[in-house]
Amino acid sequence: MKAYYMTDSGKVRSHNEDSVTILKNASDEYLLVVADGMGGHRKGEVASSIVVSHLGKRFNETPSMGSKLDAINWLNDNVSEINNLILTYGEENEDSKGLGTTIVVALYTKNYLIFGNIGDSSGFVMKKGKIHKVTKDHTLVNLLVDAGNLTQDEALTHPKKNVLMRALGAAEKVDLDIFEVIDMEEIDSVLLCSDGLTNMLTIDQIEKVLDDEELEEDEKIERLIRKCNARGGTDNISVAYLTRIGD
């Protein structure tokens, strides 16, 4: 396995409120996390860093994730703890109104591949040169699409496309959506990203870069971020990438 992650503030934002990491434990299991923070006075970066630091600490303390059910329970328990930590921080700091963050996470083991998400950061898999989105965004426009009030094309340019219906720190109880990839032996790579990538590049454009055999894995991620910035870089951009190349 090869792993690479990168974050960039983009061309418009004065600071970076995203956090990202990839970790491997003693059982050669991988944790990938991307969090896109929000809130005034740079508190978005506090919220997203709580996600990455807390999950990273717990993962490093866990020699093995155990069964798939164990892993799902581990994710749910830790995300609930993170939500409480963010809420507590907001209560204790007067300038932290609206503190919150998205999360997208993947756990890759020899027996299963599962994703979890809250918000609009995304999880994908690459299979036979094609990219497939695994997670589903918790946005207003997605609700409107599901209700038949918007088409997918209309959702792409809707003025409220970034309005979140679910985020860490937004309520006392949060639900992490869990997705299992059934045919994981056919998966070539896993990619997580903040919406700073998906708002600037189409799925086809992302796929084309990841399929470029002349690029090393780190070069692919760097090129994706350069392309976002060349198109305006209107948001922070974060990517976590795990590939089976070399296995």
C-alpha atoms as a PDB file:
ATOM      1  CA  MET A   1       0.000   0.000   0.000  1.00  0.00           C
ATOM      2  CA  LYS A   2       1.049   3.559  -0.652  1.00  0.00           C
ATOM      3  CA  ALA A   3      -0.492   6.500   1.187  1.00  0.00           C
ATOM      4  CA  TYR A   4      -0.290  10.221   0.587  1.00  0.00           C
ATOM      5  CA  TYR A   5      -2.228  13.182   1.898  1.00  0.00           C
ATOM      6  CA  MET A   6      -2.069  16.915   1.348  1.00  0.00           C
ATOM      7  CA  THR A   7      -3.942  20.068   2.315  1.00  0.00           C
ATOM      8  CA  ASP A   8      -3.805  23.552   0.802  1.00  0.00           C
ATOM      9  CA  SER A   9      -5.483  26.817   1.775  1.00  0.00           C
ATOM     10  CA  GLY A  10      -6.404  27.602  -1.852  1.00  0.00           C
ATOM     11  CA  LYS A  11      -6.220  31.017  -3.494  1.00  0.00           C
ATOM     12  CA  VAL A  12      -8.995  32.904  -1.675  1.00  0.00           C
ATOM     13  CA  ARG A  13      -9.052  31.882   1.988  1.00  0.00           C
ATOM     14  CA  SER A  14      -6.507  33.530   4.294  1.00  0.00           C
ATOM     15  CA  HIS A  15      -6.071  30.385   6.379  1.00  0.00           C
ATOM     16  CA  ASN A  16      -6.751  26.663   6.226  1.00  0.00           C
ATOM     17  CA  GLU A  17      -9.627  25.210   8.265  1.00  0.00           C
ATOM     18  CA  ASP A  18      -9.227  21.661   6.878  1.00  0.00           C
ATOM     19  CA  SER A  19      -7.440  18.823   8.650  1.00  0.00           C
ATOM     20  CA  VAL A  20      -6.334  15.527   7.100  1.00  0.00           C
ATOM     21  CA  THR A  21      -4.330  12.428   8.021  1.00  0.00           C
ATOM     22  CA  ILE A  22      -3.603   8.800   7.139  1.00  0.00           C
ATOM     23  CA  LEU A  23      -2.395   6.395   9.815  1.00  0.00           C
ATOM     24  CA  LYS A  24      -1.402   2.716   9.918  1.00  0.00           C
ATOM     25  CA  ASN A  25      -1.595   0.584  13.050  1.00  0.00           C
ATOM     26  CA  ALA A  26       0.305  -2.502  14.196  1.00  0.00           C
ATOM     27  CA  SER A  27      -2.039  -4.788  12.208  1.00  0.00           C
ATOM     28  CA  ASP A  28      -1.365  -2.976   8.902  1.00  0.00           C
ATOM     29  CA  GLU A  29      -4.833  -1.429   9.000  1.00  0.00           C
ATOM     30  CA  TYR A  30      -5.324   2.079   7.656  1.00  0.00           C
ATOM     31  CA  LEU A  31      -7.315   5.039   8.915  1.00  0.00           C
ATOM     32  CA  LEU A  32      -7.979   7.923   6.497  1.00  0.00           C
ATOM     33  CA  VAL A  33      -9.635  11.131   7.728  1.00  0.00           C
ATOM     34  CA  VAL A  34     -10.587  14.475   6.165  1.00  0.00           C
ATOM     35  CA  ALA A  35     -12.391  17.197   8.138  1.00  0.00           C
ATOM     36  CA  ASP A  36     -13.529  20.572   6.803  1.00  0.00           C
ATOM     37  CA  GLY A  37     -14.004  23.034   9.651  1.00  0.00           C
ATOM     38  CA  MET A  38     -16.330  26.007   9.875  1.00  0.00           C
ATOM     39  CA  GLY A  39     -16.783  28.871  12.321  1.00  0.00           C
ATOM     40  CA  GLY A  40     -15.602  32.416  12.949  1.00  0.00           C
ATOM     41  CA  HIS A  41     -12.247  33.613  14.285  1.00  0.00           C
ATOM     42  CA  ARG A  42     -10.403  30.631  12.825  1.00  0.00           C
ATOM     43  CA  LYS A  43     -12.331  28.211  15.006  1.00  0.00           C
ATOM     44  CA  GLY A  44     -13.110  25.953  12.061  1.00  0.00           C
ATOM     45  CA  GLU A  45      -9.540  24.752  12.144  1.00  0.00           C
ATOM     46  CA  VAL A  46      -9.945  23.982  15.858  1.00  0.00           C
ATOM     47  CA  ALA A  47     -12.990  21.803  15.158  1.00  0.00           C
ATOM     48  CA  SER A  48     -11.345  19.919  12.288  1.00  0.00           C
ATOM     49  CA  SER A  49      -8.140  19.413  14.259  1.00  0.00           C
ATOM     50  CA  ILE A  50     -10.146  17.923  17.144  1.00  0.00           C
ATOM     51  CA  VAL A  51     -11.490  15.330  14.686  1.00  0.00           C
ATOM     52  CA  VAL A  52      -8.084  14.320  13.365  1.00  0.00           C
ATOM     53  CA  SER A  53      -6.217  14.415  16.677  1.00  0.00           C
ATOM     54  CA  HIS A  54      -8.873  12.470  18.605  1.00  0.00           C
ATOM     55  CA  LEU A  55      -9.395   9.772  15.966  1.00  0.00           C
ATOM     56  CA  GLY A  56      -5.638   9.518  15.418  1.00  0.00           C
ATOM     57  CA  LYS A  57      -4.946   9.083  19.135  1.00  0.00           C
ATOM     58  CA  ARG A  58      -7.632   6.425  19.516  1.00  0.00           C
ATOM     59  CA  PHE A  59      -6.473   4.584  16.383  1.00  0.00           C
ATOM     60  CA  ASN A  60      -2.848   4.530  17.564  1.00  0.00           C
ATOM     61  CA  GLU A  61      -4.041   3.057  20.857  1.00  0.00           C
ATOM     62  CA  THR A  62      -5.865   0.245  19.027  1.00  0.00           C
ATOM     63  CA  PRO A  63      -3.639  -2.674  17.907  1.00  0.00           C
ATOM     64  CA  SER A  64      -6.428  -4.045  15.712  1.00  0.00           C
ATOM     65  CA  MET A  65      -9.867  -2.825  14.694  1.00  0.00           C
ATOM     66  CA  GLY A  66     -11.274  -6.322  15.123  1.00  0.00           C
ATOM     67  CA  SER A  67     -14.419  -7.332  13.253  1.00  0.00           C
ATOM     68  CA  LYS A  68     -16.397  -5.082  10.939  1.00  0.00           C
ATOM     69  CA  LEU A  69     -19.014  -4.585  13.655  1.00  0.00           C
ATOM     70  CA  ASP A  70     -16.265  -3.683  16.124  1.00  0.00           C
ATOM     71  CA  ALA A  71     -14.951  -1.094  13.671  1.00  0.00           C
ATOM     72  CA  ILE A  72     -18.394   0.440  13.104  1.00  0.00           C
ATOM     73  CA  ASN A  73     -18.988   0.686  16.850  1.00  0.00           C
ATOM     74  CA  TRP A  74     -15.503   2.204  17.272  1.00  0.00           C
ATOM     75  CA  LEU A  75     -16.287   4.874  14.682  1.00  0.00           C
ATOM     76  CA  ASN A  76     -19.685   5.713  16.154  1.00  0.00           C
ATOM     77  CA  ASP A  77     -18.343   5.918  19.720  1.00  0.00           C
ATOM     78  CA  ASN A  78     -15.417   8.133  18.779  1.00  0.00           C
ATOM     79  CA  VAL A  79     -17.455  10.439  16.563  1.00  0.00           C
ATOM     80  CA  SER A  80     -19.896  10.910  19.445  1.00  0.00           C
ATOM     81  CA  GLU A  81     -16.961  11.777  21.732  1.00  0.00           C
ATOM     82  CA  ILE A  82     -15.616  14.236  19.140  1.00  0.00           C
ATOM     83  CA  ASN A  83     -18.998  15.915  18.834  1.00  0.00           C
ATOM     84  CA  ASN A  84     -19.100  16.411  22.598  1.00  0.00           C
ATOM     85  CA  LEU A  85     -15.566  17.831  22.594  1.00  0.00           C
ATOM     86  CA  ILE A  86     -16.499  20.360  19.907  1.00  0.00           C
ATOM     87  CA  LEU A  87     -19.693  21.360  21.724  1.00  0.00           C
ATOM     88  CA  THR A  88     -17.767  21.800  24.974  1.00  0.00           C
ATOM     89  CA  TYR A  89     -15.146  23.950  23.244  1.00  0.00           C
ATOM     90  CA  GLY A  90     -17.874  26.151  21.819  1.00  0.00           C
ATOM     91  CA  GLU A  91     -19.498  26.583  25.228  1.00  0.00           C
ATOM     92  CA  GLU A  92     -16.200  27.484  26.889  1.00  0.00           C
ATOM     93  CA  ASN A  93     -15.048  29.971  24.248  1.00  0.00           C
ATOM     94  CA  GLU A  94     -17.197  33.037  23.625  1.00  0.00           C
ATOM     95  CA  ASP A  95     -15.788  33.671  20.139  1.00  0.00           C
ATOM     96  CA  SER A  96     -16.618  30.182  18.882  1.00  0.00           C
ATOM     97  CA  LYS A  97     -20.229  30.612  17.824  1.00  0.00           C
ATOM     98  CA  GLY A  98     -20.986  28.306  14.899  1.00  0.00           C
ATOM     99  CA  LEU A  99     -17.979  26.081  15.544  1.00  0.00           C
ATOM    100  CA  GLY A 100     -18.304  22.837  13.587  1.00  0.00           C
ATOM    101  CA  THR A 101     -16.824  20.534  10.989  1.00  0.00           C
ATOM    102  CA  THR A 102     -17.552  17.859   8.451  1.00  0.00           C
ATOM    103  CA  ILE A 103     -15.922  14.443   8.626  1.00  0.00           C
ATOM    104  CA  VAL A 104     -15.261  11.698   6.135  1.00  0.00           C
ATOM    105  CA  VAL A 105     -13.364   8.651   7.318  1.00  0.00           C
ATOM    106  CA  ALA A 106     -12.314   5.296   5.864  1.00  0.00           C
ATOM    107  CA  LEU A 107     -11.066   2.157   7.601  1.00  0.00           C
ATOM    108  CA  TYR A 108      -9.154  -0.245   5.342  1.00  0.00           C
ATOM    109  CA  THR A 109      -8.289  -3.701   6.694  1.00  0.00           C
ATOM    110  CA  LYS A 110      -7.567  -7.072   5.078  1.00  0.00           C
ATOM    111  CA  ASN A 111     -11.201  -8.095   5.661  1.00  0.00           C
ATOM    112  CA  TYR A 112     -13.291  -4.983   5.039  1.00  0.00           C
ATOM    113  CA  LEU A 113     -13.382  -1.407   3.788  1.00  0.00           C
ATOM    114  CA  ILE A 114     -15.872   0.932   5.436  1.00  0.00           C
ATOM    115  CA  PHE A 115     -16.552   4.659   5.109  1.00  0.00           C
ATOM    116  CA  GLY A 116     -18.296   7.069   7.428  1.00  0.00           C
ATOM    117  CA  ASN A 117     -19.353  10.666   6.843  1.00  0.00           C
ATOM    118  CA  ILE A 118     -21.161  13.701   8.205  1.00  0.00           C
ATOM    119  CA  GLY A 119     -21.468  16.778   5.984  1.00  0.00           C
ATOM    120  CA  ASP A 120     -20.196  17.261   2.448  1.00  0.00           C
ATOM    121  CA  SER A 121     -16.647  15.910   2.489  1.00  0.00           C
ATOM    122  CA  SER A 122     -16.523  12.915   0.159  1.00  0.00           C
ATOM    123  CA  GLY A 123     -15.242   9.351  -0.023  1.00  0.00           C
ATOM    124  CA  PHE A 124     -14.452   7.577  -3.300  1.00  0.00           C
ATOM    125  CA  VAL A 125     -12.988   4.308  -4.547  1.00  0.00           C
ATOM    126  CA  MET A 126     -11.162   3.642  -7.808  1.00  0.00           C
ATOM    127  CA  LYS A 127     -12.083   0.413  -9.565  1.00  0.00           C
ATOM    128  CA  LYS A 128     -10.686  -0.599 -12.960  1.00  0.00           C
ATOM    129  CA  GLY A 129      -9.761   2.974 -13.788  1.00  0.00           C
ATOM    130  CA  LYS A 130     -13.166   4.384 -12.840  1.00  0.00           C
ATOM    131  CA  ILE A 131     -13.934   6.506  -9.789  1.00  0.00           C
ATOM    132  CA  HIS A 132     -17.055   5.805  -7.746  1.00  0.00           C
ATOM    133  CA  LYS A 133     -18.474   7.954  -4.960  1.00  0.00           C
ATOM    134  CA  VAL A 134     -19.278   5.935  -1.848  1.00  0.00           C
ATOM    135  CA  THR A 135     -20.553   8.560   0.584  1.00  0.00           C
ATOM    136  CA  LYS A 136     -23.600  10.799   0.299  1.00  0.00           C
ATOM    137  CA  ASP A 137     -23.465  14.525   1.120  1.00  0.00           C
ATOM    138  CA  HIS A 138     -25.701  15.909   3.863  1.00  0.00           C
ATOM    139  CA  THR A 139     -26.664  19.077   2.004  1.00  0.00           C
ATOM    140  CA  LEU A 140     -29.864  20.965   1.324  1.00  0.00           C
ATOM    141  CA  VAL A 141     -29.587  20.420  -2.426  1.00  0.00           C
ATOM    142  CA  ASN A 142     -29.221  16.656  -1.965  1.00  0.00           C
ATOM    143  CA  LEU A 143     -32.480  16.660  -0.009  1.00  0.00           C
ATOM    144  CA  LEU A 144     -34.132  18.619  -2.813  1.00  0.00           C
ATOM    145  CA  VAL A 145     -32.758  16.201  -5.425  1.00  0.00           C
ATOM    146  CA  ASP A 146     -33.995  13.192  -3.432  1.00  0.00           C
ATOM    147  CA  ALA A 147     -37.425  14.824  -3.157  1.00  0.00           C
ATOM    148  CA  GLY A 148     -37.543  15.377  -6.907  1.00  0.00           C
ATOM    149  CA  ASN A 149     -37.471  19.174  -6.603  1.00  0.00           C
ATOM    150  CA  LEU A 150     -34.064  19.581  -8.260  1.00  0.00           C
ATOM    151  CA  THR A 151     -32.156  17.741 -10.970  1.00  0.00           C
ATOM    152  CA  GLN A 152     -28.523  16.737 -10.456  1.00  0.00           C
ATOM    153  CA  ASP A 153     -27.464  19.371 -13.008  1.00  0.00           C
ATOM    154  CA  GLU A 154     -29.476  22.086 -11.240  1.00  0.00           C
ATOM    155  CA  ALA A 155     -27.905  21.091  -7.918  1.00  0.00           C
ATOM    156  CA  LEU A 156     -24.403  21.770  -9.260  1.00  0.00           C
ATOM    157  CA  THR A 157     -25.097  25.482  -9.673  1.00  0.00           C
ATOM    158  CA  HIS A 158     -27.707  26.030  -6.951  1.00  0.00           C
ATOM    159  CA  PRO A 159     -26.912  29.122  -4.815  1.00  0.00           C
ATOM    160  CA  LYS A 160     -27.383  27.090  -1.624  1.00  0.00           C
ATOM    161  CA  LYS A 161     -25.453  24.001  -2.699  1.00  0.00           C
ATOM    162  CA  ASN A 162     -23.061  24.328   0.257  1.00  0.00           C
ATOM    163  CA  VAL A 163     -25.746  24.565   2.951  1.00  0.00           C
ATOM    164  CA  LEU A 164     -25.197  21.615   5.302  1.00  0.00           C
ATOM    165  CA  MET A 165     -28.006  19.672   6.946  1.00  0.00           C
ATOM    166  CA  ARG A 166     -25.651  17.786   9.267  1.00  0.00           C
ATOM    167  CA  ALA A 167     -22.270  18.627  10.854  1.00  0.00           C
ATOM    168  CA  LEU A 168     -20.218  17.801  13.920  1.00  0.00           C
ATOM    169  CA  GLY A 169     -20.817  20.440  16.594  1.00  0.00           C
ATOM    170  CA  ALA A 170     -24.244  21.413  15.255  1.00  0.00           C
ATOM    171  CA  ALA A 171     -26.360  19.327  17.641  1.00  0.00           C
ATOM    172  CA  GLU A 172     -26.011  17.273  20.817  1.00  0.00           C
ATOM    173  CA  LYS A 173     -26.547  14.040  18.881  1.00  0.00           C
ATOM    174  CA  VAL A 174     -25.065  13.276  15.471  1.00  0.00           C
ATOM    175  CA  ASP A 175     -25.472  10.282  13.219  1.00  0.00           C
ATOM    176  CA  LEU A 176     -22.514   9.022  11.225  1.00  0.00           C
ATOM    177  CA  ASP A 177     -23.590   7.421   7.956  1.00  0.00           C
ATOM    178  CA  ILE A 178     -21.715   4.141   7.404  1.00  0.00           C
ATOM    179  CA  PHE A 179     -20.995   2.603   4.005  1.00  0.00           C
ATOM    180  CA  GLU A 180     -19.399  -0.774   3.327  1.00  0.00           C
ATOM    181  CA  VAL A 181     -17.549  -1.557   0.094  1.00  0.00           C
ATOM    182  CA  ILE A 182     -18.495  -5.142  -0.689  1.00  0.00           C
ATOM    183  CA  ASP A 183     -16.049  -5.984  -3.488  1.00  0.00           C
ATOM    184  CA  MET A 184     -12.952  -4.551  -1.826  1.00  0.00           C
ATOM    185  CA  GLU A 185     -10.640  -7.008  -3.577  1.00  0.00           C
ATOM    186  CA  GLU A 186     -11.461  -5.158  -6.817  1.00  0.00           C
ATOM    187  CA  ILE A 187     -10.658  -1.729  -5.366  1.00  0.00           C
ATOM    188  CA  ASP A 188      -7.439  -0.119  -6.609  1.00  0.00           C
ATOM    189  CA  SER A 189      -7.446   2.938  -4.369  1.00  0.00           C
ATOM    190  CA  VAL A 190      -9.372   5.030  -1.836  1.00  0.00           C
ATOM    191  CA  LEU A 191      -9.695   8.826  -1.962  1.00  0.00           C
ATOM    192  CA  LEU A 192     -11.157  11.184   0.607  1.00  0.00           C
ATOM    193  CA  CYS A 193     -11.487  14.922   0.037  1.00  0.00           C
ATOM    194  CA  SER A 194     -13.057  18.144   1.230  1.00  0.00           C
ATOM    195  CA  ASP A 195     -15.477  19.985  -1.030  1.00  0.00           C
ATOM    196  CA  GLY A 196     -12.648  22.305  -2.028  1.00  0.00           C
ATOM    197  CA  LEU A 197     -11.739  19.572  -4.519  1.00  0.00           C
ATOM    198  CA  THR A 198     -15.177  18.460  -5.703  1.00  0.00           C
ATOM    199  CA  ASN A 199     -16.471  22.018  -6.119  1.00  0.00           C
ATOM    200  CA  MET A 200     -13.610  22.888  -8.465  1.00  0.00           C
ATOM    201  CA  LEU A 201     -13.130  19.660 -10.438  1.00  0.00           C
ATOM    202  CA  THR A 202     -15.611  17.268 -12.021  1.00  0.00           C
ATOM    203  CA  ILE A 203     -15.540  13.552 -11.326  1.00  0.00           C
ATOM    204  CA  ASP A 204     -14.168  12.989 -14.837  1.00  0.00           C
ATOM    205  CA  GLN A 205     -11.347  15.476 -14.241  1.00  0.00           C
ATOM    206  CA  ILE A 206     -10.388  13.801 -10.955  1.00  0.00           C
ATOM    207  CA  GLU A 207     -10.515  10.377 -12.596  1.00  0.00           C
ATOM    208  CA  LYS A 208      -8.272  11.490 -15.466  1.00  0.00           C
ATOM    209  CA  VAL A 209      -5.525  12.604 -13.067  1.00  0.00           C
ATOM    210  CA  LEU A 210      -5.718   9.449 -10.958  1.00  0.00           C
ATOM    211  CA  ASP A 211      -5.514   7.311 -14.113  1.00  0.00           C
ATOM    212  CA  ASP A 212      -2.349   9.049 -15.374  1.00  0.00           C
ATOM    213  CA  GLU A 213       0.253   6.264 -15.345  1.00  0.00           C
ATOM    214  CA  GLU A 214       3.108   8.727 -15.869  1.00  0.00           C
ATOM    215  CA  LEU A 215       2.525  10.277 -12.449  1.00  0.00           C
ATOM    216  CA  GLU A 216       3.628   8.925  -9.082  1.00  0.00           C
ATOM    217  CA  GLU A 217       0.905   8.732  -6.444  1.00  0.00           C
ATOM    218  CA  ASP A 218       2.024  11.893  -4.626  1.00  0.00           C
ATOM    219  CA  GLU A 219       2.248  13.749  -7.941  1.00  0.00           C
ATOM    220  CA  LYS A 220      -1.381  12.873  -8.684  1.00  0.00           C
ATOM    221  CA  ILE A 221      -2.587  14.520  -5.492  1.00  0.00           C
ATOM    222  CA  GLU A 222      -0.369  17.543  -6.031  1.00  0.00           C
ATOM    223  CA  ARG A 223      -1.727  17.927  -9.555  1.00  0.00           C
ATOM    224  CA  LEU A 224      -5.329  17.737  -8.348  1.00  0.00           C
ATOM    225  CA  ILE A 225      -4.669  20.584  -5.922  1.00  0.00           C
ATOM    226  CA  ARG A 226      -2.831  22.637  -8.547  1.00  0.00           C
ATOM    227  CA  LYS A 227      -5.789  22.227 -10.905  1.00  0.00           C
ATOM    228  CA  CYS A 228      -8.182  23.453  -8.197  1.00  0.00           C
ATOM    229  CA  ASN A 229      -6.038  26.509  -7.590  1.00  0.00           C
ATOM    230  CA  ALA A 230      -5.720  27.182 -11.316  1.00  0.00           C
ATOM    231  CA  ARG A 231      -9.533  27.320 -11.454  1.00  0.00           C
ATOM    232  CA  GLY A 232      -9.684  29.876  -8.668  1.00  0.00           C
ATOM    233  CA  GLY A 233      -9.010  27.859  -5.501  1.00  0.00           C
ATOM    234  CA  THR A 234     -12.067  29.326  -3.792  1.00  0.00           C
ATOM    235  CA  ASP A 235     -11.845  27.022  -0.759  1.00  0.00           C
ATOM    236  CA  ASN A 236      -9.365  24.994   1.255  1.00  0.00           C
ATOM    237  CA  ILE A 237      -8.487  21.730  -0.514  1.00  0.00           C
ATOM    238  CA  SER A 238      -7.640  18.481   1.260  1.00  0.00           C
ATOM    239  CA  VAL A 239      -7.060  15.000  -0.126  1.00  0.00           C
ATOM    240  CA  ALA A 240      -6.174  11.643   1.459  1.00  0.00           C
ATOM    241  CA  TYR A 241      -5.192   8.888  -0.983  1.00  0.00           C
ATOM    242  CA  LEU A 242      -4.457   5.210  -0.370  1.00  0.00           C
ATOM    243  CA  THR A 243      -3.550   2.917  -3.244  1.00  0.00           C
ATOM    244  CA  ARG A 244      -2.773  -0.765  -3.642  1.00  0.00           C
ATOM    245  CA  ILE A 245      -0.082   0.030  -6.247  1.00  0.00           C
ATOM    246  CA  GLY A 246       2.984  -2.013  -5.396  1.00  0.00           C
ATOM    247  CA  ASP A 247       1.104  -4.712  -3.476  1.00  0.00           C
END
